Amino acid sequence: MSPADEARSALGYFKGYLDVQLPGDLQELRVNRPPLQDFRAATVISFVAPPDQVIAETCGSVDASVRHVPPVLTGYPTKYMFESVEATVDASDYRTCEKYNSGRQVNILIPKAEGATTYVLLYHQPYR
């Protein structure tokens, strides 16, 4: 499956709860699916795109406000998801927007610098 098809498949799982759209102008698209462990679904989508487009198109698609403070990357599941895809992220280089709906969560890490990698973390935790 191509990365674009894999991204559509991952985003399709969240359709109706979180209608996440990727920006139209993106490069270096990668889709990683960490082992599920406690999740019903888990996906890390990474790409390079202009930060303004990510804010307008991706954060805008889920109606999430951008927070201009560094994201918290130490808690579960964020830390686990980055470790599973072997990504090292310096929180001070990012701002974030996120949305939660019916156990489904999207965290979008938007780089402050042009040409840096954007991360979209999608996961669905079961109710306990």
N, C-alpha and C. Protein backbone atom coordinates (compact mmCIF):
# COMPACT_ATOMS: atom_id res chain seq x y z
N MET A 1 0.84 -1.17 0.00
CA MET A 1 0.00 0.00 0.00
C MET A 1 0.90 1.25 0.00
N SER A 2 0.55 2.24 -0.78
CA SER A 2 1.34 3.48 -0.82
C SER A 2 1.12 4.27 0.48
N PRO A 3 2.06 5.15 0.83
CA PRO A 3 1.86 5.96 2.03
C PRO A 3 0.56 6.78 1.99
N ALA A 4 0.19 7.30 0.83
CA ALA A 4 -1.06 8.08 0.72
C ALA A 4 -2.27 7.19 1.00
N ASP A 5 -2.27 5.97 0.45
CA ASP A 5 -3.39 5.04 0.71
C ASP A 5 -3.42 4.62 2.17
N GLU A 6 -2.25 4.39 2.74
CA GLU A 6 -2.18 4.00 4.15
C GLU A 6 -2.67 5.14 5.05
N ALA A 7 -2.33 6.38 4.72
CA ALA A 7 -2.81 7.53 5.49
C ALA A 7 -4.32 7.65 5.38
N ARG A 8 -4.86 7.50 4.17
CA ARG A 8 -6.33 7.55 3.99
C ARG A 8 -7.02 6.47 4.81
N SER A 9 -6.45 5.28 4.84
CA SER A 9 -7.02 4.19 5.62
C SER A 9 -7.02 4.52 7.11
N ALA A 10 -5.89 5.02 7.61
CA ALA A 10 -5.79 5.38 9.02
C ALA A 10 -6.77 6.50 9.38
N LEU A 11 -6.85 7.51 8.54
CA LEU A 11 -7.76 8.63 8.79
C LEU A 11 -9.21 8.19 8.68
N GLY A 12 -9.49 7.21 7.82
CA GLY A 12 -10.84 6.71 7.64
C GLY A 12 -11.41 6.09 8.90
N TYR A 13 -10.55 5.48 9.70
CA TYR A 13 -11.00 4.88 10.96
C TYR A 13 -11.63 5.94 11.89
N PHE A 14 -11.15 7.16 11.80
CA PHE A 14 -11.60 8.23 12.68
C PHE A 14 -12.73 9.06 12.08
N LYS A 15 -13.09 8.79 10.83
CA LYS A 15 -14.13 9.56 10.13
C LYS A 15 -15.42 9.57 10.93
N GLY A 16 -16.02 10.74 11.00
CA GLY A 16 -17.25 10.90 11.76
C GLY A 16 -17.01 11.30 13.20
N TYR A 17 -15.83 11.03 13.70
CA TYR A 17 -15.45 11.43 15.06
C TYR A 17 -14.43 12.56 15.00
N LEU A 18 -13.39 12.34 14.23
CA LEU A 18 -12.34 13.33 13.98
C LEU A 18 -12.04 13.28 12.48
N ASP A 19 -12.55 14.22 11.76
CA ASP A 19 -12.37 14.22 10.31
C ASP A 19 -11.08 14.96 9.95
N VAL A 20 -9.97 14.30 10.22
CA VAL A 20 -8.65 14.89 10.03
C VAL A 20 -8.31 14.90 8.54
N GLN A 21 -7.88 16.05 8.07
CA GLN A 21 -7.43 16.18 6.68
C GLN A 21 -5.98 16.63 6.67
N LEU A 22 -5.21 16.02 5.81
CA LEU A 22 -3.82 16.42 5.65
C LEU A 22 -3.75 17.58 4.67
N PRO A 23 -2.72 18.43 4.78
CA PRO A 23 -2.61 19.56 3.84
C PRO A 23 -2.41 19.06 2.42
N GLY A 24 -2.84 19.85 1.48
CA GLY A 24 -2.72 19.48 0.07
C GLY A 24 -1.29 19.47 -0.43
N ASP A 25 -0.47 20.32 0.13
CA ASP A 25 0.92 20.46 -0.33
C ASP A 25 1.85 19.85 0.71
N LEU A 26 2.05 18.53 0.61
CA LEU A 26 2.94 17.88 1.57
C LEU A 26 3.95 17.01 0.84
N GLN A 27 5.04 16.75 1.53
CA GLN A 27 6.12 15.93 1.00
C GLN A 27 6.57 14.96 2.09
N GLU A 28 7.31 13.96 1.68
CA GLU A 28 7.92 12.98 2.60
C GLU A 28 6.89 12.34 3.54
N LEU A 29 5.77 11.95 3.00
CA LEU A 29 4.71 11.33 3.79
C LEU A 29 5.14 9.95 4.27
N ARG A 30 4.98 9.73 5.58
CA ARG A 30 5.25 8.42 6.18
C ARG A 30 4.10 8.08 7.12
N VAL A 31 3.77 6.81 7.15
CA VAL A 31 2.71 6.33 8.04
C VAL A 31 3.27 5.15 8.83
N ASN A 32 3.23 5.26 10.14
CA ASN A 32 3.70 4.19 11.01
C ASN A 32 2.56 3.79 11.94
N ARG A 33 2.40 2.50 12.09
CA ARG A 33 1.37 1.99 12.99
C ARG A 33 2.06 1.23 14.12
N PRO A 34 2.18 1.88 15.28
CA PRO A 34 2.82 1.20 16.40
C PRO A 34 2.00 0.00 16.84
N PRO A 35 2.63 -0.95 17.53
CA PRO A 35 1.85 -2.08 18.06
C PRO A 35 0.70 -1.56 18.92
N LEU A 36 -0.46 -2.17 18.81
CA LEU A 36 -1.65 -1.64 19.45
C LEU A 36 -1.59 -1.60 20.97
N GLN A 37 -1.05 -2.60 21.61
CA GLN A 37 -1.03 -2.70 23.07
C GLN A 37 -2.42 -2.35 23.62
N ASP A 38 -2.57 -1.19 24.26
CA ASP A 38 -3.85 -0.83 24.88
C ASP A 38 -4.78 -0.04 23.95
N PHE A 39 -4.43 0.11 22.69
CA PHE A 39 -5.22 0.93 21.79
C PHE A 39 -6.14 0.10 20.91
N ARG A 40 -7.21 0.69 20.47
CA ARG A 40 -8.04 0.10 19.42
C ARG A 40 -7.45 0.46 18.06
N ALA A 41 -6.83 1.63 18.00
CA ALA A 41 -6.15 2.09 16.78
C ALA A 41 -5.04 3.03 17.21
N ALA A 42 -3.94 3.03 16.46
CA ALA A 42 -2.82 3.94 16.73
C ALA A 42 -2.04 4.13 15.45
N THR A 43 -1.81 5.38 15.10
CA THR A 43 -1.07 5.70 13.88
C THR A 43 -0.29 6.99 14.09
N VAL A 44 0.93 7.02 13.55
CA VAL A 44 1.72 8.23 13.51
C VAL A 44 1.93 8.56 12.03
N ILE A 45 1.44 9.71 11.62
CA ILE A 45 1.61 10.18 10.25
C ILE A 45 2.59 11.35 10.31
N SER A 46 3.64 11.29 9.52
CA SER A 46 4.60 12.39 9.48
C SER A 46 4.77 12.86 8.04
N PHE A 47 5.05 14.15 7.91
CA PHE A 47 5.23 14.75 6.59
C PHE A 47 5.86 16.11 6.75
N VAL A 48 6.28 16.67 5.63
CA VAL A 48 6.80 18.03 5.59
C VAL A 48 5.80 18.85 4.78
N ALA A 49 5.36 19.96 5.38
CA ALA A 49 4.42 20.87 4.73
C ALA A 49 4.58 22.24 5.37
N PRO A 50 4.17 23.30 4.69
CA PRO A 50 4.24 24.63 5.29
C PRO A 50 3.40 24.69 6.57
N PRO A 51 3.99 25.16 7.67
CA PRO A 51 3.25 25.21 8.94
C PRO A 51 1.90 25.93 8.86
N ASP A 52 1.83 27.00 8.08
CA ASP A 52 0.56 27.72 7.95
C ASP A 52 -0.52 26.84 7.33
N GLN A 53 -0.13 26.00 6.37
CA GLN A 53 -1.10 25.06 5.77
C GLN A 53 -1.54 24.01 6.77
N VAL A 54 -0.62 23.53 7.58
CA VAL A 54 -0.97 22.53 8.60
C VAL A 54 -1.99 23.14 9.57
N ILE A 55 -1.74 24.36 9.99
CA ILE A 55 -2.66 25.03 10.91
C ILE A 55 -4.03 25.21 10.27
N ALA A 56 -4.04 25.74 9.05
CA ALA A 56 -5.31 26.03 8.38
C ALA A 56 -6.06 24.76 7.99
N GLU A 57 -5.38 23.81 7.39
CA GLU A 57 -6.05 22.65 6.82
C GLU A 57 -6.20 21.48 7.79
N THR A 58 -5.15 21.17 8.53
CA THR A 58 -5.21 19.99 9.40
C THR A 58 -5.85 20.34 10.74
N CYS A 59 -5.35 21.37 11.42
CA CYS A 59 -5.99 21.79 12.68
C CYS A 59 -7.41 22.29 12.40
N GLY A 60 -7.56 23.01 11.30
CA GLY A 60 -8.88 23.53 10.94
C GLY A 60 -9.89 22.44 10.65
N SER A 61 -9.45 21.32 10.11
CA SER A 61 -10.38 20.24 9.76
C SER A 61 -11.00 19.59 10.99
N VAL A 62 -10.32 19.65 12.12
CA VAL A 62 -10.87 19.09 13.36
C VAL A 62 -11.31 20.19 14.32
N ASP A 63 -11.29 21.44 13.84
CA ASP A 63 -11.72 22.58 14.64
C ASP A 63 -10.95 22.64 15.96
N ALA A 64 -9.63 22.57 15.85
CA ALA A 64 -8.77 22.61 17.03
C ALA A 64 -7.93 23.88 17.02
N SER A 65 -7.85 24.54 18.14
CA SER A 65 -7.06 25.76 18.28
C SER A 65 -5.59 25.41 18.48
N VAL A 66 -4.74 26.24 17.91
CA VAL A 66 -3.31 26.03 18.06
C VAL A 66 -2.85 26.60 19.39
N ARG A 67 -2.09 25.78 20.11
CA ARG A 67 -1.46 26.24 21.35
C ARG A 67 -0.01 26.58 21.04
N HIS A 68 0.40 27.75 21.44
CA HIS A 68 1.75 28.21 21.13
C HIS A 68 2.75 27.90 22.23
N VAL A 69 2.45 26.92 23.05
CA VAL A 69 3.38 26.45 24.07
C VAL A 69 3.88 25.08 23.61
N PRO A 70 5.07 24.69 24.02
CA PRO A 70 5.58 23.38 23.61
C PRO A 70 4.65 22.25 24.06
N PRO A 71 4.46 21.25 23.22
CA PRO A 71 3.61 20.12 23.60
C PRO A 71 4.26 19.27 24.70
N VAL A 72 3.44 18.59 25.45
CA VAL A 72 3.93 17.67 26.46
C VAL A 72 4.15 16.32 25.78
N LEU A 73 5.39 15.88 25.76
CA LEU A 73 5.73 14.64 25.05
C LEU A 73 6.16 13.52 25.98
N THR A 74 6.01 13.71 27.26
CA THR A 74 6.50 12.72 28.21
C THR A 74 5.44 11.73 28.65
N GLY A 75 4.19 12.01 28.46
CA GLY A 75 3.13 11.13 28.95
C GLY A 75 2.77 10.03 27.97
N TYR A 76 2.09 9.05 28.51
CA TYR A 76 1.55 7.97 27.69
C TYR A 76 0.25 8.49 27.13
N PRO A 77 -0.08 8.33 25.88
CA PRO A 77 0.55 7.50 24.85
C PRO A 77 1.53 8.23 23.95
N THR A 78 1.66 9.56 24.08
CA THR A 78 2.52 10.30 23.18
C THR A 78 3.95 9.78 23.18
N LYS A 79 4.52 9.60 24.36
CA LYS A 79 5.90 9.11 24.46
C LYS A 79 6.03 7.73 23.82
N TYR A 80 5.09 6.84 24.11
CA TYR A 80 5.11 5.49 23.54
C TYR A 80 5.05 5.54 22.01
N MET A 81 4.19 6.39 21.46
CA MET A 81 4.05 6.44 20.01
C MET A 81 5.32 6.94 19.34
N PHE A 82 5.96 7.95 19.91
CA PHE A 82 7.22 8.43 19.33
C PHE A 82 8.32 7.39 19.47
N GLU A 83 8.38 6.71 20.59
CA GLU A 83 9.38 5.66 20.76
C GLU A 83 9.17 4.53 19.77
N SER A 84 7.94 4.17 19.51
CA SER A 84 7.66 3.05 18.62
C SER A 84 8.04 3.34 17.17
N VAL A 85 8.05 4.61 16.78
CA VAL A 85 8.45 4.95 15.41
C VAL A 85 9.88 5.52 15.38
N GLU A 86 10.55 5.44 16.54
CA GLU A 86 11.94 5.87 16.67
C GLU A 86 12.15 7.31 16.22
N ALA A 87 11.23 8.18 16.63
CA ALA A 87 11.34 9.61 16.32
C ALA A 87 11.80 10.35 17.57
N THR A 88 12.74 11.25 17.37
CA THR A 88 13.20 12.10 18.46
C THR A 88 12.71 13.51 18.16
N VAL A 89 11.92 14.04 19.07
CA VAL A 89 11.29 15.34 18.86
C VAL A 89 11.64 16.25 20.03
N ASP A 90 12.11 17.44 19.73
CA ASP A 90 12.37 18.46 20.75
C ASP A 90 11.11 19.32 20.85
N ALA A 91 10.42 19.21 21.96
CA ALA A 91 9.13 19.89 22.14
C ALA A 91 9.23 21.40 21.92
N SER A 92 10.37 22.01 22.23
CA SER A 92 10.49 23.46 22.08
C SER A 92 10.47 23.90 20.61
N ASP A 93 10.61 22.96 19.68
CA ASP A 93 10.58 23.27 18.25
C ASP A 93 9.18 23.19 17.66
N TYR A 94 8.18 22.90 18.51
CA TYR A 94 6.82 22.65 18.03
C TYR A 94 5.77 23.43 18.80
N ARG A 95 4.66 23.62 18.15
CA ARG A 95 3.41 24.03 18.81
C ARG A 95 2.42 22.93 18.47
N THR A 96 1.25 22.96 19.04
CA THR A 96 0.35 21.83 18.87
C THR A 96 -1.11 22.25 18.80
N CYS A 97 -1.90 21.37 18.23
CA CYS A 97 -3.35 21.45 18.35
C CYS A 97 -3.82 20.01 18.54
N GLU A 98 -4.92 19.86 19.25
CA GLU A 98 -5.41 18.51 19.53
C GLU A 98 -6.92 18.52 19.68
N LYS A 99 -7.48 17.35 19.50
CA LYS A 99 -8.93 17.20 19.63
C LYS A 99 -9.22 15.80 20.13
N TYR A 100 -10.22 15.69 21.00
CA TYR A 100 -10.64 14.42 21.56
C TYR A 100 -12.14 14.26 21.32
N ASN A 101 -12.57 13.07 20.89
CA ASN A 101 -13.98 12.81 20.68
C ASN A 101 -14.24 11.31 20.82
N SER A 102 -15.06 10.95 21.78
CA SER A 102 -15.49 9.56 22.00
C SER A 102 -14.33 8.57 22.08
N GLY A 103 -13.33 8.91 22.86
CA GLY A 103 -12.19 8.01 23.04
C GLY A 103 -11.14 8.11 21.95
N ARG A 104 -11.42 8.88 20.91
CA ARG A 104 -10.47 9.05 19.81
C ARG A 104 -9.76 10.38 19.98
N GLN A 105 -8.46 10.39 19.75
CA GLN A 105 -7.66 11.59 19.97
C GLN A 105 -6.75 11.83 18.78
N VAL A 106 -6.59 13.10 18.42
CA VAL A 106 -5.58 13.49 17.44
C VAL A 106 -4.74 14.59 18.08
N ASN A 107 -3.44 14.42 18.01
CA ASN A 107 -2.47 15.45 18.42
C ASN A 107 -1.67 15.80 17.19
N ILE A 108 -1.63 17.07 16.86
CA ILE A 108 -0.90 17.52 15.68
C ILE A 108 0.25 18.39 16.16
N LEU A 109 1.47 17.96 15.90
CA LEU A 109 2.66 18.71 16.28
C LEU A 109 3.14 19.48 15.07
N ILE A 110 3.04 20.80 15.16
CA ILE A 110 3.34 21.69 14.05
C ILE A 110 4.71 22.31 14.28
N PRO A 111 5.64 22.11 13.37
CA PRO A 111 6.97 22.68 13.57
C PRO A 111 6.93 24.20 13.44
N LYS A 112 7.78 24.84 14.21
CA LYS A 112 7.90 26.29 14.12
C LYS A 112 8.70 26.69 12.88
N ALA A 113 9.58 25.82 12.42
CA ALA A 113 10.47 26.12 11.29
C ALA A 113 9.93 25.53 10.00
N GLU A 114 10.09 26.26 8.92
CA GLU A 114 9.74 25.76 7.59
C GLU A 114 10.64 24.57 7.26
N GLY A 115 10.09 23.56 6.61
CA GLY A 115 10.87 22.41 6.16
C GLY A 115 11.07 21.33 7.21
N ALA A 116 10.56 21.54 8.41
CA ALA A 116 10.68 20.52 9.46
C ALA A 116 9.48 19.57 9.39
N THR A 117 9.59 18.45 10.06
CA THR A 117 8.57 17.41 10.00
C THR A 117 7.39 17.71 10.92
N THR A 118 6.19 17.55 10.38
CA THR A 118 4.94 17.63 11.14
C THR A 118 4.57 16.21 11.54
N TYR A 119 4.03 16.05 12.75
CA TYR A 119 3.57 14.74 13.23
C TYR A 119 2.09 14.82 13.56
N VAL A 120 1.35 13.83 13.08
CA VAL A 120 -0.06 13.68 13.42
C VAL A 120 -0.18 12.36 14.17
N LEU A 121 -0.54 12.43 15.45
CA LEU A 121 -0.70 11.24 16.28
C LEU A 121 -2.19 10.95 16.42
N LEU A 122 -2.60 9.78 15.98
CA LEU A 122 -3.99 9.37 16.06
C LEU A 122 -4.07 8.12 16.93
N TYR A 123 -4.97 8.13 17.90
CA TYR A 123 -5.13 6.92 18.70
C TYR A 123 -6.54 6.86 19.27
N HIS A 124 -6.93 5.63 19.55
CA HIS A 124 -8.25 5.35 20.12
C HIS A 124 -8.04 4.42 21.29
N GLN A 125 -8.27 4.95 22.46
CA GLN A 125 -8.11 4.14 23.67
C GLN A 125 -9.47 3.55 24.05
N PRO A 126 -9.50 2.31 24.43
CA PRO A 126 -10.78 1.72 24.87
C PRO A 126 -11.20 2.29 26.21
N TYR A 127 -12.50 2.33 26.42
CA TYR A 127 -13.03 2.78 27.71
C TYR A 127 -12.73 1.72 28.74
N ARG A 128 -12.42 2.11 29.94
CA ARG A 128 -12.14 1.17 31.01
C ARG A 128 -13.01 1.48 32.19
